[in-house]
């Protein structure tokens, strides 16, 4: 069994698919760390542009979440991996949260959901009162669903804030009224260019100070922070400056093995988009930490970094395309169609390399089916395999 794959130089290379793919890792959540996989959504492929709003294949979308829970991973719902702000609007996100939280309760799965301000009109300047009210609506919905909340970075706040004091006001009010501790998310501009200058500063040192001031003023209302800056040194610095008991959930899809492993004193938990496609390895790695097997942990996760760096290569915000491709190749959904047509956001050569790297890791349960589907994708692009 082999497949001929196109190369960037205009030639071809022969890839021989993995003959011993990984089986799912079935087990309870790890004790030593909290691992959340930010999960993608499965679009309804029959949706037309004339229909109002995105439509999801609910059966396939929820089935994928059950796979994550069965492997002991938590689900981070309705966040950027689910195309939040890139095709998934607030009504669809609210329904996704409601359905996923109900499924989580049914199986005892861990879940957090993203609360933001994306019901506000894009591209405009909004008052702080309107931004706060939008956050409050989504936070209330998340809490009503019985899920933990991740306060997502707000494009509306980034566009409207006059300075750091506006961030302090909005987040302070939200934290004071939250019913349970939340996770604060700092999403860098590499993931969303509209979030440049978040916390009121372009300078990251000054922005970090504002971010930590918000945390330290209401430590009992902050379960943790999620740092998505692809900057391991900065995350380590922030982690050291957190109040005792406040978790640091790494969102660094480039350096996650070392950040989760820790420095001997402090370590990061994880809330990662890459855990969606590498779930079987992430679950095994989490259990290795429970056994204090740091070498085994690194042996499982370190080889996945090449795939992750490839999927999250600039423009980083389009990493979802590779994530959904791999779900299709793995047989977790029946098509490679995404909300808002995002399946076209990456080049064919990018997708080919994603397939090759994932297959080498044993992440495609049925290599023959994955090869057949890859041939179909190549044929659509007019490439003979």
Protein backbone atom coordinates (compact mmCIF):
# COMPACT_ATOMS: atom_id res chain seq x y z
CA UNK A 1 0.00 0.00 0.00
CA UNK A 2 1.47 3.32 -1.09
CA UNK A 3 0.40 6.71 -2.39
CA UNK A 4 2.22 9.21 -4.58
CA UNK A 5 2.13 12.69 -3.03
CA UNK A 6 3.00 15.98 -4.74
CA UNK A 7 5.99 17.95 -3.47
CA UNK A 8 6.67 21.68 -3.35
CA UNK A 9 9.39 21.34 -6.03
CA UNK A 10 6.83 20.13 -8.56
CA UNK A 11 7.79 16.50 -8.23
CA UNK A 12 6.33 13.60 -6.30
CA UNK A 13 7.27 11.39 -3.39
CA UNK A 14 5.97 7.97 -2.41
CA UNK A 15 4.37 7.63 1.02
CA UNK A 16 3.73 4.21 2.53
CA UNK A 17 0.93 4.47 5.10
CA UNK A 18 1.34 3.33 8.69
CA UNK A 19 0.59 -0.33 9.23
CA UNK A 20 0.04 -0.15 13.03
CA UNK A 21 -2.19 2.84 13.83
CA UNK A 22 -2.96 3.80 17.42
CA UNK A 23 -6.08 2.50 19.06
CA UNK A 24 -8.11 5.03 21.08
CA UNK A 25 -6.90 5.40 24.65
CA UNK A 26 -9.94 4.64 26.79
CA UNK A 27 -9.71 5.75 30.39
CA UNK A 28 -10.51 8.21 33.15
CA UNK A 29 -9.18 11.79 33.24
CA UNK A 30 -5.63 12.26 34.41
CA UNK A 31 -5.04 13.30 38.02
CA UNK A 32 -1.83 15.27 37.59
CA UNK A 33 -3.00 17.79 34.97
CA UNK A 34 -6.20 19.04 33.40
CA UNK A 35 -6.23 18.38 29.68
CA UNK A 36 -8.87 20.06 27.52
CA UNK A 37 -9.11 19.55 23.78
CA UNK A 38 -10.57 22.52 21.95
CA UNK A 39 -12.87 20.64 19.59
CA UNK A 40 -13.82 21.35 15.98
CA UNK A 41 -17.35 21.26 14.60
CA UNK A 42 -18.69 19.17 11.73
CA UNK A 43 -20.57 21.26 9.19
CA UNK A 44 -23.73 20.12 7.46
CA UNK A 45 -22.40 19.67 3.90
CA UNK A 46 -25.82 20.31 2.35
CA UNK A 47 -26.10 23.83 3.74
CA UNK A 48 -26.42 26.42 1.01
CA UNK A 49 -25.39 30.05 1.08
CA UNK A 50 -29.06 31.03 0.89
CA UNK A 51 -29.76 29.51 4.29
CA UNK A 52 -29.49 31.76 7.31
CA UNK A 53 -26.55 31.03 9.58
CA UNK A 54 -24.23 28.03 9.80
CA UNK A 55 -25.70 24.56 10.11
CA UNK A 56 -23.93 21.73 11.88
CA UNK A 57 -24.09 17.97 11.63
CA UNK A 58 -25.06 17.54 15.27
CA UNK A 59 -24.69 13.77 15.37
CA UNK A 60 -21.12 13.82 14.07
CA UNK A 61 -20.17 16.90 16.09
CA UNK A 62 -21.34 15.41 19.37
CA UNK A 63 -19.96 11.96 18.57
CA UNK A 64 -16.51 13.47 18.27
CA UNK A 65 -16.84 15.01 21.73
CA UNK A 66 -17.81 11.62 23.13
CA UNK A 67 -14.57 10.22 21.70
CA UNK A 68 -12.61 12.86 23.58
CA UNK A 69 -14.43 12.22 26.86
CA UNK A 70 -13.99 8.46 26.50
CA UNK A 71 -10.23 9.01 26.30
CA UNK A 72 -10.23 11.01 29.53
CA UNK A 73 -9.86 14.42 27.89
CA UNK A 74 -12.03 17.41 28.68
CA UNK A 75 -13.74 19.40 25.94
CA UNK A 76 -13.26 23.12 25.43
CA UNK A 77 -16.41 24.03 23.54
CA UNK A 78 -17.35 26.83 21.16
CA UNK A 79 -13.88 28.33 21.05
CA UNK A 80 -11.72 29.31 18.09
CA UNK A 81 -11.12 25.67 17.07
CA UNK A 82 -14.89 25.43 16.55
CA UNK A 83 -14.56 28.37 14.11
CA UNK A 84 -15.85 30.86 16.62
CA UNK A 85 -15.61 34.21 14.88
CA UNK A 86 -14.71 32.45 11.62
CA UNK A 87 -18.08 31.10 10.54
CA UNK A 88 -19.74 29.92 13.76
CA UNK A 89 -22.04 32.72 14.92
CA UNK A 90 -23.44 33.25 18.42
CA UNK A 91 -26.81 31.50 17.90
CA UNK A 92 -25.05 28.39 16.59
CA UNK A 93 -22.44 28.59 19.35
CA UNK A 94 -25.13 28.90 22.02
CA UNK A 95 -26.88 25.79 20.70
CA UNK A 96 -23.57 23.94 20.49
CA UNK A 97 -22.83 24.79 24.12
CA UNK A 98 -26.28 23.69 25.26
CA UNK A 99 -26.08 20.35 23.45
CA UNK A 100 -22.47 19.60 24.41
CA UNK A 101 -22.99 20.47 28.06
CA UNK A 102 -25.99 18.13 28.20
CA UNK A 103 -23.92 15.32 26.66
CA UNK A 104 -21.10 16.01 29.11
CA UNK A 105 -23.48 15.66 32.06
CA UNK A 106 -24.77 12.38 30.69
CA UNK A 107 -21.31 10.79 30.66
CA UNK A 108 -19.57 12.73 33.43
CA UNK A 109 -17.31 14.50 30.96
CA UNK A 110 -15.42 17.66 31.78
CA UNK A 111 -16.41 20.73 29.73
CA UNK A 112 -15.75 24.46 29.56
CA UNK A 113 -17.33 26.82 27.04
CA UNK A 114 -16.21 30.06 25.47
CA UNK A 115 -18.12 33.22 26.41
CA UNK A 116 -17.44 36.29 24.30
CA UNK A 117 -19.12 39.23 22.60
CA UNK A 118 -19.61 38.01 19.04
CA UNK A 119 -23.34 38.82 19.01
CA UNK A 120 -22.28 42.46 18.57
CA UNK A 121 -22.04 43.78 15.02
CA UNK A 122 -18.57 43.36 13.58
CA UNK A 123 -16.42 46.24 12.51
CA UNK A 124 -17.96 48.94 14.70
CA UNK A 125 -17.14 50.72 17.91
CA UNK A 126 -19.34 49.76 20.85
CA UNK A 127 -19.82 51.25 24.28
CA UNK A 128 -18.33 49.51 27.29
CA UNK A 129 -21.87 48.99 28.55
CA UNK A 130 -22.83 47.16 25.35
CA UNK A 131 -19.67 45.05 25.43
CA UNK A 132 -20.19 44.16 29.08
CA UNK A 133 -23.83 43.27 28.42
CA UNK A 134 -22.82 41.00 25.55
CA UNK A 135 -20.31 39.22 27.77
CA UNK A 136 -22.92 38.94 30.52
CA UNK A 137 -25.42 37.33 28.16
CA UNK A 138 -22.95 34.68 27.07
CA UNK A 139 -21.59 34.10 30.56
CA UNK A 140 -25.13 33.61 31.87
CA UNK A 141 -25.86 31.13 29.06
CA UNK A 142 -22.70 29.17 29.81
CA UNK A 143 -23.51 28.98 33.51
CA UNK A 144 -27.12 28.01 32.76
CA UNK A 145 -25.78 25.12 30.67
CA UNK A 146 -23.84 23.95 33.73
CA UNK A 147 -20.43 24.43 32.10
CA UNK A 148 -17.36 26.30 33.22
CA UNK A 149 -16.75 29.52 31.33
CA UNK A 150 -13.73 30.69 29.36
CA UNK A 151 -13.90 34.47 28.96
CA UNK A 152 -12.67 34.78 25.40
CA UNK A 153 -10.85 37.83 24.09
CA UNK A 154 -13.30 40.27 22.50
CA UNK A 155 -12.78 41.87 19.10
CA UNK A 156 -15.35 44.49 20.09
CA UNK A 157 -13.39 45.40 23.22
CA UNK A 158 -10.10 45.49 21.32
CA UNK A 159 -11.64 47.93 18.82
CA UNK A 160 -13.43 50.09 21.37
CA UNK A 161 -11.22 50.26 24.47
CA UNK A 162 -9.46 53.56 25.05
CA UNK A 163 -6.80 52.00 27.22
CA UNK A 164 -6.06 49.40 29.90
CA UNK A 165 -8.56 50.96 32.31
CA UNK A 166 -11.41 49.86 30.05
CA UNK A 167 -10.24 46.25 30.18
CA UNK A 168 -9.97 46.46 33.96
CA UNK A 169 -13.52 47.81 34.17
CA UNK A 170 -15.13 45.22 31.88
CA UNK A 171 -13.32 42.17 33.22
CA UNK A 172 -13.61 43.32 36.82
CA UNK A 173 -17.36 43.61 36.53
CA UNK A 174 -17.66 40.19 34.89
CA UNK A 175 -15.54 38.48 37.51
CA UNK A 176 -17.37 40.04 40.40
CA UNK A 177 -20.70 38.68 39.17
CA UNK A 178 -19.64 35.27 37.86
CA UNK A 179 -21.30 32.38 39.70
CA UNK A 180 -18.17 30.20 39.58
CA UNK A 181 -14.48 30.69 38.77
CA UNK A 182 -13.72 31.27 35.11
CA UNK A 183 -10.75 30.92 32.78
CA UNK A 184 -9.38 34.13 31.26
CA UNK A 185 -8.15 33.71 27.69
CA UNK A 186 -5.40 35.80 26.12
CA UNK A 187 -5.52 35.01 22.40
CA UNK A 188 -2.64 36.54 20.50
CA UNK A 189 -2.87 38.34 17.14
CA UNK A 190 -1.28 35.40 15.34
CA UNK A 191 -4.59 33.60 16.00
CA UNK A 192 -6.75 36.69 15.38
CA UNK A 193 -5.19 39.89 13.97
CA UNK A 194 -8.11 41.95 15.31
CA UNK A 195 -6.88 41.26 18.86
CA UNK A 196 -3.59 43.14 18.47
CA UNK A 197 -2.99 45.42 21.44
CA UNK A 198 -5.23 43.49 23.76
CA UNK A 199 -5.23 44.62 27.41
CA UNK A 200 -4.59 48.14 26.13
CA UNK A 201 -0.96 47.75 25.08
CA UNK A 202 0.97 46.63 22.02
CA UNK A 203 3.99 46.13 24.28
CA UNK A 204 3.65 42.63 25.69
CA UNK A 205 5.32 43.42 28.99
CA UNK A 206 2.82 46.18 29.70
CA UNK A 207 -0.06 44.01 28.47
CA UNK A 208 1.07 41.20 30.78
CA UNK A 209 0.97 43.53 33.77
CA UNK A 210 -2.64 44.50 33.01
CA UNK A 211 -3.63 40.87 32.48
CA UNK A 212 -2.13 39.83 35.80
CA UNK A 213 -3.69 42.81 37.59
CA UNK A 214 -7.13 41.54 36.52
CA UNK A 215 -6.30 38.07 37.87
CA UNK A 216 -4.87 39.24 41.17
CA UNK A 217 -7.75 41.60 41.94
CA UNK A 218 -10.28 38.71 41.90
CA UNK A 219 -8.24 35.53 42.46
CA UNK A 220 -11.20 33.62 43.92
CA UNK A 221 -13.12 34.13 40.67
CA UNK A 222 -10.34 32.92 38.37
CA UNK A 223 -9.85 29.18 38.00
CA UNK A 224 -7.02 29.81 35.60
CA UNK A 225 -5.71 31.59 32.56
CA UNK A 226 -5.20 30.33 29.02
CA UNK A 227 -2.22 31.85 27.27
CA UNK A 228 -2.18 31.57 23.45
CA UNK A 229 0.82 33.65 22.42
CA UNK A 230 3.15 30.93 21.05
CA UNK A 231 5.80 32.37 23.41
CA UNK A 232 7.00 29.78 25.91
CA UNK A 233 9.23 32.15 27.89
CA UNK A 234 6.39 34.61 28.43
CA UNK A 235 4.04 31.85 29.54
CA UNK A 236 6.60 30.62 32.07
CA UNK A 237 6.98 34.16 33.40
CA UNK A 238 3.21 34.63 33.69
CA UNK A 239 2.86 31.23 35.35
CA UNK A 240 5.34 32.20 38.06
CA UNK A 241 3.45 35.43 38.80
CA UNK A 242 0.00 33.90 39.24
CA UNK A 243 -1.68 33.81 42.65
CA UNK A 244 -1.36 30.45 44.44
CA UNK A 245 -3.91 27.94 43.18
CA UNK A 246 -4.54 29.72 39.85
CA UNK A 247 -3.99 27.37 36.94
CA UNK A 248 -2.11 28.21 33.76
CA UNK A 249 -3.67 26.41 30.80
CA UNK A 250 -1.20 26.47 27.96
CA UNK A 251 -2.60 27.41 24.59
CA UNK A 252 0.85 27.24 23.00
CA UNK A 253 0.56 24.77 20.15
CA UNK A 254 4.30 25.09 19.45
CA UNK A 255 5.82 24.40 22.88
CA UNK A 256 3.18 22.42 24.79
CA UNK A 257 5.28 19.36 25.78
CA UNK A 258 7.84 21.41 27.71
CA UNK A 259 5.22 23.73 29.23
CA UNK A 260 3.06 20.86 30.46
CA UNK A 261 6.08 18.93 31.71
CA UNK A 262 7.03 21.96 33.80
CA UNK A 263 10.27 23.23 35.26
CA UNK A 264 10.37 21.12 38.41
CA UNK A 265 8.41 23.68 40.41
CA UNK A 266 5.48 24.78 38.26
CA UNK A 267 3.76 23.23 35.26
CA UNK A 268 0.99 24.19 32.88
CA UNK A 269 -2.30 22.43 32.40
CA UNK A 270 -3.53 22.40 28.81
CA UNK A 271 -6.34 23.74 26.66
CA UNK A 272 -5.20 23.11 23.13
CA UNK A 273 -6.54 22.88 19.61
CA UNK A 274 -3.85 20.35 18.70
CA UNK A 275 -5.34 17.92 21.23
CA UNK A 276 -8.27 17.52 18.81
CA UNK A 277 -6.28 15.58 16.17
CA UNK A 278 -3.70 14.04 18.55
CA UNK A 279 -6.18 12.96 21.24
CA UNK A 280 -4.97 9.32 21.49
CA UNK A 281 -1.41 10.47 22.13
CA UNK A 282 -2.42 13.33 24.44
CA UNK A 283 -4.50 10.94 26.56
CA UNK A 284 -1.62 8.47 26.86
CA UNK A 285 0.78 11.27 27.72
CA UNK A 286 -1.50 12.55 30.49
CA UNK A 287 -1.55 9.12 32.10
CA UNK A 288 2.24 8.92 31.87
CA UNK A 289 2.41 12.07 34.00
CA UNK A 290 0.17 10.38 36.56
CA UNK A 291 2.84 7.67 36.81
CA UNK A 292 5.56 10.33 37.17
CA UNK A 293 6.95 9.02 33.89
CA UNK A 294 8.25 12.28 32.46
CA UNK A 295 10.39 10.52 29.86
CA UNK A 296 7.37 8.55 28.68
CA UNK A 297 5.31 11.74 28.54
CA UNK A 298 7.89 13.51 26.40
CA UNK A 299 8.36 10.41 24.27
CA UNK A 300 4.67 10.49 23.40
CA UNK A 301 4.17 14.23 22.89
CA UNK A 302 7.48 15.48 21.52
CA UNK A 303 7.03 13.69 18.16
CA UNK A 304 3.67 15.45 17.69
CA UNK A 305 5.21 18.93 17.66
CA UNK A 306 6.17 18.78 13.98
CA UNK A 307 2.53 18.12 13.06
CA UNK A 308 1.31 20.86 15.37
CA UNK A 309 3.75 23.45 14.09
CA UNK A 310 2.71 22.56 10.56
CA UNK A 311 -1.02 22.87 11.27
CA UNK A 312 -0.49 26.14 13.15
CA UNK A 313 1.90 27.66 10.62
CA UNK A 314 1.12 31.25 9.51
CA UNK A 315 -1.52 32.38 8.87
CA UNK A 316 -2.12 30.58 12.16
CA UNK A 317 -5.87 31.29 12.32
CA UNK A 318 -6.42 28.79 9.49
CA UNK A 319 -5.17 25.83 11.55
CA UNK A 320 -8.77 24.61 11.76
CA UNK A 321 -8.58 23.49 8.13
CA UNK A 322 -5.90 20.93 8.88
CA UNK A 323 -7.70 19.79 12.03
CA UNK A 324 -10.89 19.06 10.08
CA UNK A 325 -8.96 17.40 7.25
CA UNK A 326 -7.46 14.94 9.74
CA UNK A 327 -10.87 14.24 11.30
CA UNK A 328 -12.17 13.34 7.84
CA UNK A 329 -9.15 11.18 7.00
CA UNK A 330 -9.50 9.45 10.39
CA UNK A 331 -13.13 8.57 9.63
CA UNK A 332 -14.68 10.78 12.32
CA UNK A 333 -16.80 12.55 9.72
CA UNK A 334 -17.93 11.73 6.21
CA UNK A 335 -16.77 14.82 4.35
CA UNK A 336 -14.17 17.59 4.23
CA UNK A 337 -16.56 20.53 4.25
CA UNK A 338 -16.31 23.32 6.80
CA UNK A 339 -18.51 26.15 8.01
CA UNK A 340 -18.00 29.21 5.77
CA UNK A 341 -16.10 27.12 3.21
CA UNK A 342 -12.93 27.21 5.30
CA UNK A 343 -11.77 23.91 3.79
CA UNK A 344 -10.25 26.05 1.02
CA UNK A 345 -8.13 28.14 3.42
CA UNK A 346 -5.02 25.98 3.09
CA UNK A 347 -3.11 24.86 0.00
CA UNK A 348 -3.15 21.31 -1.26
CA UNK A 349 0.54 20.93 -0.41
CA UNK A 350 -0.17 22.00 3.18
CA UNK A 351 -2.92 19.38 3.46
CA UNK A 352 -0.72 16.69 1.93
CA UNK A 353 1.99 17.28 4.51
CA UNK A 354 -0.60 17.25 7.31
CA UNK A 355 -1.78 13.83 6.14
CA UNK A 356 1.75 12.49 5.95
CA UNK A 357 2.76 13.73 9.41
CA UNK A 358 -0.43 12.47 11.06
CA UNK A 359 -0.14 9.07 9.43
CA UNK A 360 3.45 8.67 10.63
CA UNK A 361 2.17 9.22 14.18
CA UNK A 362 -0.42 6.47 13.77
CA UNK A 363 -3.31 8.91 14.20
CA UNK A 364 -5.39 7.61 11.28
CA UNK A 365 -7.20 4.49 12.59
CA UNK A 366 -7.86 2.99 9.15
CA UNK A 367 -4.83 3.80 6.97
CA UNK A 368 -6.43 2.29 3.88
CA UNK A 369 -9.51 4.51 4.20
CA UNK A 370 -7.30 7.54 4.86
CA UNK A 371 -5.28 6.77 1.74
CA UNK A 372 -8.44 6.41 -0.34
CA UNK A 373 -9.77 9.73 0.92
CA UNK A 374 -6.44 11.42 0.28
CA UNK A 375 -6.55 10.13 -3.28
CA UNK A 376 -10.03 11.62 -3.64
CA UNK A 377 -8.77 15.00 -2.44
CA UNK A 378 -5.84 14.87 -4.84
CA UNK A 379 -8.17 13.98 -7.72
CA UNK A 380 -10.40 16.99 -6.97
CA UNK A 381 -7.29 19.14 -7.44
CA UNK A 382 -6.42 17.38 -10.69
CA UNK A 383 -3.45 15.50 -9.22
CA UNK A 384 -2.94 11.85 -10.14
CA UNK A 385 -1.80 9.72 -7.23
